[in-house]
């Protein structure tokens, strides 16, 4: 429900006047009167947010800035103030995300240096922030600053390593090598990561082999107690190993809960291609 526009504008004007005089308590009161009329007004929310900061009411300031963003505010100054409040409240991950948003805003304005500054603030708060680190690396690379780009790639790869995500760390190292294929630090880290990745891959292959062996054993046991129809037995002999395994599995659905039930019958074997029947004399094909 729309409020009284005249009362809103008067209250907002008085609030701005108090803010200019640094009369922050009075400013809070007038901004609140303005928001009573139009609760989602961005200017009033930003104003009361600043007044709350100045009166050391940081939780209320945070709520006001967040409401302003939800109302559609996309202002760099507002994002900076929001990140500052989040940082002062020790909500470091939230602050880092806000700085990443600030960097995106700067990129839309084609202000690459301001974007780099915002990403740097993000990684100062959260050193392993993946988006900020990766964007920093790409920004430095685009500017020809290979050393700085490699530094950011390494920092991100090491963060992934600490998080026990060696595959992601290896991927980042590979991106770094595209800039400097002989970089010793990157190569050393990749050597360490291989010792972590290869055992995991070997265990996964071993697990898959064990599952396949179990399936083959179950299929064999089932076929020992249940003969396939004569026609099917003759066709199975002509299938390759993979198709034979798939076809025999379809004969034993009891071992595979996700397969069709036995009532549905086995899957049909691959059918040979047949030549089309000649049309019957005196009839025309259906359209």
C-alpha atoms as a PDB file:
ATOM      1  CA  UNK A   1       0.000   0.000   0.000  1.00  0.00           C
ATOM      2  CA  UNK A   2       1.489   3.316  -1.118  1.00  0.00           C
ATOM      3  CA  UNK A   3       2.279   5.831   1.603  1.00  0.00           C
ATOM      4  CA  UNK A   4       1.948   9.585   1.713  1.00  0.00           C
ATOM      5  CA  UNK A   5       4.445  10.947  -0.790  1.00  0.00           C
ATOM      6  CA  UNK A   6       4.485  14.458   0.709  1.00  0.00           C
ATOM      7  CA  UNK A   7       5.183  13.241   4.229  1.00  0.00           C
ATOM      8  CA  UNK A   8       7.852  10.894   2.902  1.00  0.00           C
ATOM      9  CA  UNK A   9       9.685  13.649   1.039  1.00  0.00           C
ATOM     10  CA  UNK A  10       9.547  16.004   4.038  1.00  0.00           C
ATOM     11  CA  UNK A  11      10.904  13.359   6.405  1.00  0.00           C
ATOM     12  CA  UNK A  12      13.649  12.369   3.931  1.00  0.00           C
ATOM     13  CA  UNK A  13      14.694  15.995   3.475  1.00  0.00           C
ATOM     14  CA  UNK A  14      14.889  16.541   7.234  1.00  0.00           C
ATOM     15  CA  UNK A  15      16.849  13.277   7.640  1.00  0.00           C
ATOM     16  CA  UNK A  16      19.392  14.296   5.002  1.00  0.00           C
ATOM     17  CA  UNK A  17      19.764  17.662   6.708  1.00  0.00           C
ATOM     18  CA  UNK A  18      20.505  16.020  10.054  1.00  0.00           C
ATOM     19  CA  UNK A  19      22.987  13.690   8.362  1.00  0.00           C
ATOM     20  CA  UNK A  20      24.853  16.659   6.850  1.00  0.00           C
ATOM     21  CA  UNK A  21      25.133  18.152  10.327  1.00  0.00           C
ATOM     22  CA  UNK A  22      26.206  14.760  11.705  1.00  0.00           C
ATOM     23  CA  UNK A  23      23.183  14.672  13.976  1.00  0.00           C
ATOM     24  CA  UNK A  24      22.899  10.953  13.538  1.00  0.00           C
ATOM     25  CA  UNK A  25      20.285  10.145  16.189  1.00  0.00           C
ATOM     26  CA  UNK A  26      17.920  12.722  14.724  1.00  0.00           C
ATOM     27  CA  UNK A  27      18.724  11.415  11.238  1.00  0.00           C
ATOM     28  CA  UNK A  28      17.736   7.893  12.273  1.00  0.00           C
ATOM     29  CA  UNK A  29      14.409   9.140  13.562  1.00  0.00           C
ATOM     30  CA  UNK A  30      13.580  11.041  10.362  1.00  0.00           C
ATOM     31  CA  UNK A  31      14.709   8.247   8.054  1.00  0.00           C
ATOM     32  CA  UNK A  32      12.441   5.894   9.972  1.00  0.00           C
ATOM     33  CA  UNK A  33       9.526   8.268   9.476  1.00  0.00           C
ATOM     34  CA  UNK A  34      10.258   8.280   5.760  1.00  0.00           C
ATOM     35  CA  UNK A  35      10.411   4.480   5.697  1.00  0.00           C
ATOM     36  CA  UNK A  36       7.072   4.278   7.496  1.00  0.00           C
ATOM     37  CA  UNK A  37       5.586   5.712   4.307  1.00  0.00           C
ATOM     38  CA  UNK A  38       7.699   3.805   1.767  1.00  0.00           C
ATOM     39  CA  UNK A  39       9.533   0.883   3.437  1.00  0.00           C
ATOM     40  CA  UNK A  40      11.463  -0.160   0.300  1.00  0.00           C
ATOM     41  CA  UNK A  41      12.805   3.223  -0.742  1.00  0.00           C
ATOM     42  CA  UNK A  42      16.474   2.697  -1.560  1.00  0.00           C
ATOM     43  CA  UNK A  43      17.621   6.209  -0.674  1.00  0.00           C
ATOM     44  CA  UNK A  44      15.965   6.095   2.753  1.00  0.00           C
ATOM     45  CA  UNK A  45      17.334   2.603   3.467  1.00  0.00           C
ATOM     46  CA  UNK A  46      20.853   3.633   2.488  1.00  0.00           C
ATOM     47  CA  UNK A  47      20.571   6.780   4.576  1.00  0.00           C
ATOM     48  CA  UNK A  48      19.339   5.054   7.700  1.00  0.00           C
ATOM     49  CA  UNK A  49      21.990   2.375   7.205  1.00  0.00           C
ATOM     50  CA  UNK A  50      24.728   4.985   7.340  1.00  0.00           C
ATOM     51  CA  UNK A  51      23.098   6.643  10.364  1.00  0.00           C
ATOM     52  CA  UNK A  52      23.024   3.293  12.153  1.00  0.00           C
ATOM     53  CA  UNK A  53      26.723   2.803  11.389  1.00  0.00           C
ATOM     54  CA  UNK A  54      27.534   6.205  12.839  1.00  0.00           C
ATOM     55  CA  UNK A  55      25.584   5.364  16.001  1.00  0.00           C
ATOM     56  CA  UNK A  56      27.337   1.973  16.298  1.00  0.00           C
ATOM     57  CA  UNK A  57      24.162  -0.013  15.577  1.00  0.00           C
ATOM     58  CA  UNK A  58      25.832  -2.365  13.124  1.00  0.00           C
ATOM     59  CA  UNK A  59      23.221  -5.133  13.072  1.00  0.00           C
ATOM     60  CA  UNK A  60      20.527  -2.616  12.174  1.00  0.00           C
ATOM     61  CA  UNK A  61      22.827  -1.077   9.583  1.00  0.00           C
ATOM     62  CA  UNK A  62      23.371  -4.515   8.054  1.00  0.00           C
ATOM     63  CA  UNK A  63      19.631  -5.145   7.860  1.00  0.00           C
ATOM     64  CA  UNK A  64      19.033  -1.760   6.217  1.00  0.00           C
ATOM     65  CA  UNK A  65      21.733  -2.287   3.576  1.00  0.00           C
ATOM     66  CA  UNK A  66      20.497  -5.793   2.826  1.00  0.00           C
ATOM     67  CA  UNK A  67      16.954  -4.513   2.392  1.00  0.00           C
ATOM     68  CA  UNK A  68      18.275  -1.858   0.028  1.00  0.00           C
ATOM     69  CA  UNK A  69      19.935  -4.537  -2.104  1.00  0.00           C
ATOM     70  CA  UNK A  70      16.771  -6.619  -2.108  1.00  0.00           C
ATOM     71  CA  UNK A  71      14.885  -3.528  -3.252  1.00  0.00           C
ATOM     72  CA  UNK A  72      17.115  -3.390  -6.324  1.00  0.00           C
ATOM     73  CA  UNK A  73      19.961  -1.119  -5.271  1.00  0.00           C
ATOM     74  CA  UNK A  74      23.047  -1.655  -7.437  1.00  0.00           C
ATOM     75  CA  UNK A  75      25.275   1.140  -6.252  1.00  0.00           C
ATOM     76  CA  UNK A  76      29.002   0.742  -5.691  1.00  0.00           C
ATOM     77  CA  UNK A  77      28.978   2.939  -2.596  1.00  0.00           C
ATOM     78  CA  UNK A  78      26.200   0.875  -1.044  1.00  0.00           C
ATOM     79  CA  UNK A  79      28.116  -2.361  -1.740  1.00  0.00           C
ATOM     80  CA  UNK A  80      31.250  -0.904  -0.156  1.00  0.00           C
ATOM     81  CA  UNK A  81      29.341   0.107   2.964  1.00  0.00           C
ATOM     82  CA  UNK A  82      27.640  -3.276   3.171  1.00  0.00           C
ATOM     83  CA  UNK A  83      30.965  -5.109   2.888  1.00  0.00           C
ATOM     84  CA  UNK A  84      32.467  -2.848   5.561  1.00  0.00           C
ATOM     85  CA  UNK A  85      29.644  -3.608   7.998  1.00  0.00           C
ATOM     86  CA  UNK A  86      29.876  -7.335   7.301  1.00  0.00           C
ATOM     87  CA  UNK A  87      33.611  -7.227   7.917  1.00  0.00           C
ATOM     88  CA  UNK A  88      33.206  -5.318  11.184  1.00  0.00           C
ATOM     89  CA  UNK A  89      30.656  -7.909  12.319  1.00  0.00           C
ATOM     90  CA  UNK A  90      33.206 -10.638  11.430  1.00  0.00           C
ATOM     91  CA  UNK A  91      30.972 -12.074   8.721  1.00  0.00           C
ATOM     92  CA  UNK A  92      34.013 -12.512   6.564  1.00  0.00           C
ATOM     93  CA  UNK A  93      32.642 -14.909   3.958  1.00  0.00           C
ATOM     94  CA  UNK A  94      29.629 -12.663   3.406  1.00  0.00           C
ATOM     95  CA  UNK A  95      31.919  -9.650   3.105  1.00  0.00           C
ATOM     96  CA  UNK A  96      34.117 -11.471   0.586  1.00  0.00           C
ATOM     97  CA  UNK A  97      31.063 -12.335  -1.509  1.00  0.00           C
ATOM     98  CA  UNK A  98      29.982  -8.695  -1.409  1.00  0.00           C
ATOM     99  CA  UNK A  99      33.415  -7.588  -2.618  1.00  0.00           C
ATOM    100  CA  UNK A 100      33.072 -10.067  -5.500  1.00  0.00           C
ATOM    101  CA  UNK A 101      29.743  -8.406  -6.308  1.00  0.00           C
ATOM    102  CA  UNK A 102      31.471  -5.048  -6.175  1.00  0.00           C
ATOM    103  CA  UNK A 103      34.076  -6.332  -8.637  1.00  0.00           C
ATOM    104  CA  UNK A 104      31.330  -7.451 -11.013  1.00  0.00           C
ATOM    105  CA  UNK A 105      29.811  -3.972 -10.771  1.00  0.00           C
ATOM    106  CA  UNK A 106      33.196  -2.453 -11.623  1.00  0.00           C
ATOM    107  CA  UNK A 107      33.579  -4.744 -14.639  1.00  0.00           C
ATOM    108  CA  UNK A 108      30.221  -3.614 -15.989  1.00  0.00           C
ATOM    109  CA  UNK A 109      31.580  -0.074 -15.782  1.00  0.00           C
ATOM    110  CA  UNK A 110      34.834  -1.252 -17.458  1.00  0.00           C
ATOM    111  CA  UNK A 111      36.866  -0.296 -14.378  1.00  0.00           C
ATOM    112  CA  UNK A 112      39.307  -3.206 -14.251  1.00  0.00           C
ATOM    113  CA  UNK A 113      41.577  -1.706 -11.576  1.00  0.00           C
ATOM    114  CA  UNK A 114      38.654  -1.195  -9.218  1.00  0.00           C
ATOM    115  CA  UNK A 115      37.573  -4.788  -9.875  1.00  0.00           C
ATOM    116  CA  UNK A 116      41.078  -6.045  -9.070  1.00  0.00           C
ATOM    117  CA  UNK A 117      41.063  -4.045  -5.840  1.00  0.00           C
ATOM    118  CA  UNK A 118      37.726  -5.590  -4.824  1.00  0.00           C
ATOM    119  CA  UNK A 119      38.946  -9.138  -5.568  1.00  0.00           C
ATOM    120  CA  UNK A 120      42.072  -8.461  -3.508  1.00  0.00           C
ATOM    121  CA  UNK A 121      39.925  -7.372  -0.560  1.00  0.00           C
ATOM    122  CA  UNK A 122      37.906 -10.586  -0.930  1.00  0.00           C
ATOM    123  CA  UNK A 123      40.981 -12.850  -0.754  1.00  0.00           C
ATOM    124  CA  UNK A 124      42.372 -10.861   2.161  1.00  0.00           C
ATOM    125  CA  UNK A 125      39.247 -11.822   4.088  1.00  0.00           C
ATOM    126  CA  UNK A 126      38.896 -15.368   2.707  1.00  0.00           C
ATOM    127  CA  UNK A 127      42.238 -16.489   1.215  1.00  0.00           C
ATOM    128  CA  UNK A 128      40.709 -19.533  -0.452  1.00  0.00           C
ATOM    129  CA  UNK A 129      37.797 -17.713  -2.087  1.00  0.00           C
ATOM    130  CA  UNK A 130      37.714 -19.528  -5.465  1.00  0.00           C
ATOM    131  CA  UNK A 131      35.902 -16.911  -7.553  1.00  0.00           C
ATOM    132  CA  UNK A 132      38.039 -14.016  -6.362  1.00  0.00           C
ATOM    133  CA  UNK A 133      41.333 -15.927  -6.754  1.00  0.00           C
ATOM    134  CA  UNK A 134      40.467 -17.225 -10.216  1.00  0.00           C
ATOM    135  CA  UNK A 135      39.309 -13.832 -11.454  1.00  0.00           C
ATOM    136  CA  UNK A 136      42.422 -12.196 -10.054  1.00  0.00           C
ATOM    137  CA  UNK A 137      44.600 -14.698 -11.904  1.00  0.00           C
ATOM    138  CA  UNK A 138      42.755 -14.140 -15.172  1.00  0.00           C
ATOM    139  CA  UNK A 139      42.862 -10.357 -14.763  1.00  0.00           C
ATOM    140  CA  UNK A 140      46.630 -10.365 -14.167  1.00  0.00           C
ATOM    141  CA  UNK A 141      47.131 -12.699 -17.134  1.00  0.00           C
ATOM    142  CA  UNK A 142      45.099 -10.407 -19.402  1.00  0.00           C
ATOM    143  CA  UNK A 143      47.359  -7.533 -18.378  1.00  0.00           C
ATOM    144  CA  UNK A 144      50.486  -9.549 -19.161  1.00  0.00           C
ATOM    145  CA  UNK A 145      51.471  -9.861 -15.506  1.00  0.00           C
ATOM    146  CA  UNK A 146      52.342 -13.560 -15.625  1.00  0.00           C
ATOM    147  CA  UNK A 147      54.102 -13.632 -12.269  1.00  0.00           C
ATOM    148  CA  UNK A 148      51.077 -12.226 -10.430  1.00  0.00           C
ATOM    149  CA  UNK A 149      48.742 -14.577 -12.296  1.00  0.00           C
ATOM    150  CA  UNK A 150      50.846 -17.621 -11.386  1.00  0.00           C
ATOM    151  CA  UNK A 151      50.875 -16.472  -7.757  1.00  0.00           C
ATOM    152  CA  UNK A 152      47.075 -16.395  -7.680  1.00  0.00           C
ATOM    153  CA  UNK A 153      46.734 -19.756  -9.438  1.00  0.00           C
ATOM    154  CA  UNK A 154      49.137 -21.327  -6.931  1.00  0.00           C
ATOM    155  CA  UNK A 155      47.285 -19.848  -3.974  1.00  0.00           C
ATOM    156  CA  UNK A 156      43.995 -21.250  -5.269  1.00  0.00           C
ATOM    157  CA  UNK A 157      45.496 -24.680  -6.017  1.00  0.00           C
ATOM    158  CA  UNK A 158      46.999 -24.850  -2.532  1.00  0.00           C
ATOM    159  CA  UNK A 159      43.627 -23.900  -1.035  1.00  0.00           C
ATOM    160  CA  UNK A 160      41.993 -26.768  -2.930  1.00  0.00           C
ATOM    161  CA  UNK A 161      44.774 -29.067  -1.726  1.00  0.00           C
ATOM    162  CA  UNK A 162      44.104 -28.116   1.912  1.00  0.00           C
ATOM    163  CA  UNK A 163      40.411 -28.797   1.319  1.00  0.00           C
ATOM    164  CA  UNK A 164      41.340 -32.301   0.060  1.00  0.00           C
ATOM    165  CA  UNK A 165      40.182 -31.512  -3.474  1.00  0.00           C
ATOM    166  CA  UNK A 166      43.227 -32.638  -5.481  1.00  0.00           C
ATOM    167  CA  UNK A 167      41.384 -32.895  -8.798  1.00  0.00           C
ATOM    168  CA  UNK A 168      40.383 -29.213  -8.692  1.00  0.00           C
ATOM    169  CA  UNK A 169      43.890 -28.267  -7.576  1.00  0.00           C
ATOM    170  CA  UNK A 170      45.388 -30.158 -10.510  1.00  0.00           C
ATOM    171  CA  UNK A 171      43.059 -28.368 -12.918  1.00  0.00           C
ATOM    172  CA  UNK A 172      44.191 -24.978 -11.602  1.00  0.00           C
ATOM    173  CA  UNK A 173      47.838 -25.987 -11.944  1.00  0.00           C
ATOM    174  CA  UNK A 174      47.235 -26.930 -15.557  1.00  0.00           C
ATOM    175  CA  UNK A 175      45.814 -23.464 -16.206  1.00  0.00           C
ATOM    176  CA  UNK A 176      48.922 -21.959 -14.618  1.00  0.00           C
ATOM    177  CA  UNK A 177      51.199 -24.060 -16.829  1.00  0.00           C
ATOM    178  CA  UNK A 178      49.549 -22.573 -19.899  1.00  0.00           C
ATOM    179  CA  UNK A 179      51.160 -19.277 -18.866  1.00  0.00           C
ATOM    180  CA  UNK A 180      54.513 -20.703 -17.777  1.00  0.00           C
ATOM    181  CA  UNK A 181      55.079 -24.373 -18.745  1.00  0.00           C
ATOM    182  CA  UNK A 182      58.393 -24.597 -16.883  1.00  0.00           C
ATOM    183  CA  UNK A 183      57.365 -22.945 -13.613  1.00  0.00           C
ATOM    184  CA  UNK A 184      59.087 -24.966 -10.890  1.00  0.00           C
ATOM    185  CA  UNK A 185      56.591 -24.209  -8.120  1.00  0.00           C
ATOM    186  CA  UNK A 186      53.651 -25.298 -10.247  1.00  0.00           C
ATOM    187  CA  UNK A 187      55.410 -28.474 -11.388  1.00  0.00           C
ATOM    188  CA  UNK A 188      56.387 -29.376  -7.824  1.00  0.00           C
ATOM    189  CA  UNK A 189      52.820 -28.901  -6.630  1.00  0.00           C
ATOM    190  CA  UNK A 190      51.515 -31.047  -9.491  1.00  0.00           C
ATOM    191  CA  UNK A 191      53.937 -33.807  -8.517  1.00  0.00           C
ATOM    192  CA  UNK A 192      52.584 -33.729  -4.983  1.00  0.00           C
ATOM    193  CA  UNK A 193      49.012 -33.719  -6.228  1.00  0.00           C
ATOM    194  CA  UNK A 194      49.587 -36.764  -8.443  1.00  0.00           C
ATOM    195  CA  UNK A 195      50.504 -38.757  -5.340  1.00  0.00           C
ATOM    196  CA  UNK A 196      47.066 -37.848  -3.992  1.00  0.00           C
ATOM    197  CA  UNK A 197      45.032 -38.250  -7.183  1.00  0.00           C
ATOM    198  CA  UNK A 198      46.411 -41.533  -8.511  1.00  0.00           C
ATOM    199  CA  UNK A 199      45.640 -43.679  -5.420  1.00  0.00           C
ATOM    200  CA  UNK A 200      42.066 -42.347  -5.431  1.00  0.00           C
ATOM    201  CA  UNK A 201      41.686 -43.179  -9.121  1.00  0.00           C
ATOM    202  CA  UNK A 202      43.174 -46.647  -8.557  1.00  0.00           C
ATOM    203  CA  UNK A 203      40.754 -47.327  -5.703  1.00  0.00           C
ATOM    204  CA  UNK A 204      37.821 -46.249  -7.875  1.00  0.00           C
ATOM    205  CA  UNK A 205      38.888 -48.558 -10.732  1.00  0.00           C
ATOM    206  CA  UNK A 206      39.330 -51.417  -8.263  1.00  0.00           C
ATOM    207  CA  UNK A 207      35.864 -50.798  -6.838  1.00  0.00           C
ATOM    208  CA  UNK A 208      34.317 -50.832 -10.306  1.00  0.00           C
ATOM    209  CA  UNK A 209      36.115 -54.086 -11.132  1.00  0.00           C
ATOM    210  CA  UNK A 210      34.769 -55.663  -7.956  1.00  0.00           C
ATOM    211  CA  UNK A 211      31.217 -54.603  -8.812  1.00  0.00           C
ATOM    212  CA  UNK A 212      31.545 -55.993 -12.340  1.00  0.00           C
ATOM    213  CA  UNK A 213      32.935 -59.299 -11.027  1.00  0.00           C
ATOM    214  CA  UNK A 214      29.999 -59.566  -8.627  1.00  0.00           C
ATOM    215  CA  UNK A 215      27.497 -58.947 -11.421  1.00  0.00           C
ATOM    216  CA  UNK A 216      29.134 -61.581 -13.642  1.00  0.00           C
ATOM    217  CA  UNK A 217      29.085 -64.108 -10.792  1.00  0.00           C
ATOM    218  CA  UNK A 218      25.415 -63.424 -10.101  1.00  0.00           C
ATOM    219  CA  UNK A 219      24.522 -63.742 -13.769  1.00  0.00           C
ATOM    220  CA  UNK A 220      26.391 -67.019 -14.018  1.00  0.00           C
ATOM    221  CA  UNK A 221      24.663 -68.380 -10.924  1.00  0.00           C
ATOM    222  CA  UNK A 222      21.271 -67.347 -12.261  1.00  0.00           C
ATOM    223  CA  UNK A 223      21.861 -68.951 -15.650  1.00  0.00           C
ATOM    224  CA  UNK A 224      22.920 -72.177 -13.937  1.00  0.00           C
ATOM    225  CA  UNK A 225      19.418 -72.448 -12.401  1.00  0.00           C
ATOM    226  CA  UNK A 226      17.429 -70.894 -15.192  1.00  0.00           C
ATOM    227  CA  UNK A 227      17.966 -71.746 -18.805  1.00  0.00           C
ATOM    228  CA  UNK A 228      17.325 -69.104 -21.396  1.00  0.00           C
ATOM    229  CA  UNK A 229      14.750 -69.969 -24.088  1.00  0.00           C
ATOM    230  CA  UNK A 230      16.208 -72.055 -26.920  1.00  0.00           C
ATOM    231  CA  UNK A 231      15.982 -69.228 -29.421  1.00  0.00           C
ATOM    232  CA  UNK A 232      17.712 -66.842 -26.996  1.00  0.00           C
ATOM    233  CA  UNK A 233      20.500 -69.331 -26.263  1.00  0.00           C
ATOM    234  CA  UNK A 234      21.361 -69.611 -29.913  1.00  0.00           C
ATOM    235  CA  UNK A 235      21.401 -65.835 -30.336  1.00  0.00           C
ATOM    236  CA  UNK A 236      23.541 -65.195 -27.252  1.00  0.00           C
ATOM    237  CA  UNK A 237      26.385 -67.147 -28.800  1.00  0.00           C
ATOM    238  CA  UNK A 238      26.647 -64.617 -31.623  1.00  0.00           C
ATOM    239  CA  UNK A 239      26.749 -61.494 -29.420  1.00  0.00           C
ATOM    240  CA  UNK A 240      29.928 -59.705 -28.458  1.00  0.00           C
ATOM    241  CA  UNK A 241      31.036 -59.699 -24.813  1.00  0.00           C
ATOM    242  CA  UNK A 242      29.380 -56.416 -23.888  1.00  0.00           C
ATOM    243  CA  UNK A 243      26.026 -57.205 -25.523  1.00  0.00           C
ATOM    244  CA  UNK A 244      26.122 -60.724 -24.079  1.00  0.00           C
ATOM    245  CA  UNK A 245      26.574 -59.330 -20.566  1.00  0.00           C
ATOM    246  CA  UNK A 246      23.736 -56.848 -21.006  1.00  0.00           C
ATOM    247  CA  UNK A 247      21.420 -59.497 -22.435  1.00  0.00           C
ATOM    248  CA  UNK A 248      22.141 -62.045 -19.730  1.00  0.00           C
ATOM    249  CA  UNK A 249      21.661 -59.418 -17.032  1.00  0.00           C
ATOM    250  CA  UNK A 250      18.190 -58.778 -18.439  1.00  0.00           C
ATOM    251  CA  UNK A 251      17.414 -62.469 -17.840  1.00  0.00           C
ATOM    252  CA  UNK A 252      18.116 -62.142 -14.098  1.00  0.00           C
ATOM    253  CA  UNK A 253      16.246 -59.049 -12.830  1.00  0.00           C
ATOM    254  CA  UNK A 254      16.078 -60.412  -9.289  1.00  0.00           C
ATOM    255  CA  UNK A 255      19.686 -59.340  -8.756  1.00  0.00           C
ATOM    256  CA  UNK A 256      19.137 -55.797 -10.068  1.00  0.00           C
ATOM    257  CA  UNK A 257      16.263 -53.975  -8.290  1.00  0.00           C
ATOM    258  CA  UNK A 258      16.216 -51.175 -10.845  1.00  0.00           C
ATOM    259  CA  UNK A 259      15.735 -53.524 -13.805  1.00  0.00           C
ATOM    260  CA  UNK A 260      12.251 -54.457 -15.110  1.00  0.00           C
ATOM    261  CA  UNK A 261      10.497 -57.249 -13.213  1.00  0.00           C
ATOM    262  CA  UNK A 262      10.648 -60.852 -14.354  1.00  0.00           C
ATOM    263  CA  UNK A 263       7.094 -60.577 -15.623  1.00  0.00           C
ATOM    264  CA  UNK A 264       8.269 -58.138 -18.234  1.00  0.00           C
ATOM    265  CA  UNK A 265      10.525 -60.846 -19.703  1.00  0.00           C
ATOM    266  CA  UNK A 266      14.069 -60.540 -21.012  1.00  0.00           C
ATOM    267  CA  UNK A 267      15.197 -57.765 -23.263  1.00  0.00           C
ATOM    268  CA  UNK A 268      14.830 -58.735 -26.928  1.00  0.00           C
ATOM    269  CA  UNK A 269      18.119 -59.652 -28.630  1.00  0.00           C
ATOM    270  CA  UNK A 270      19.365 -57.452 -31.448  1.00  0.00           C
ATOM    271  CA  UNK A 271      17.231 -58.112 -34.498  1.00  0.00           C
ATOM    272  CA  UNK A 272      18.735 -58.647 -37.946  1.00  0.00           C
ATOM    273  CA  UNK A 273      17.808 -56.140 -40.588  1.00  0.00           C
ATOM    274  CA  UNK A 274      15.128 -57.424 -42.940  1.00  0.00           C
ATOM    275  CA  UNK A 275      14.351 -56.325 -46.466  1.00  0.00           C
ATOM    276  CA  UNK A 276      11.043 -54.419 -46.789  1.00  0.00           C
ATOM    277  CA  UNK A 277       8.077 -56.510 -47.961  1.00  0.00           C
ATOM    278  CA  UNK A 278       6.935 -55.817 -51.535  1.00  0.00           C
ATOM    279  CA  UNK A 279       3.593 -53.979 -51.740  1.00  0.00           C
ATOM    280  CA  UNK A 280       0.507 -56.156 -52.298  1.00  0.00           C
ATOM    281  CA  UNK A 281      -0.821 -55.900 -55.834  1.00  0.00           C
ATOM    282  CA  UNK A 282      -3.861 -53.708 -56.149  1.00  0.00           C
ATOM    283  CA  UNK A 283      -3.160 -51.670 -52.990  1.00  0.00           C
ATOM    284  CA  UNK A 284      -1.536 -48.321 -52.585  1.00  0.00           C
ATOM    285  CA  UNK A 285       0.698 -47.451 -49.603  1.00  0.00           C
ATOM    286  CA  UNK A 286      -1.013 -45.549 -46.787  1.00  0.00           C
ATOM    287  CA  UNK A 287      -0.059 -41.872 -46.659  1.00  0.00           C
END
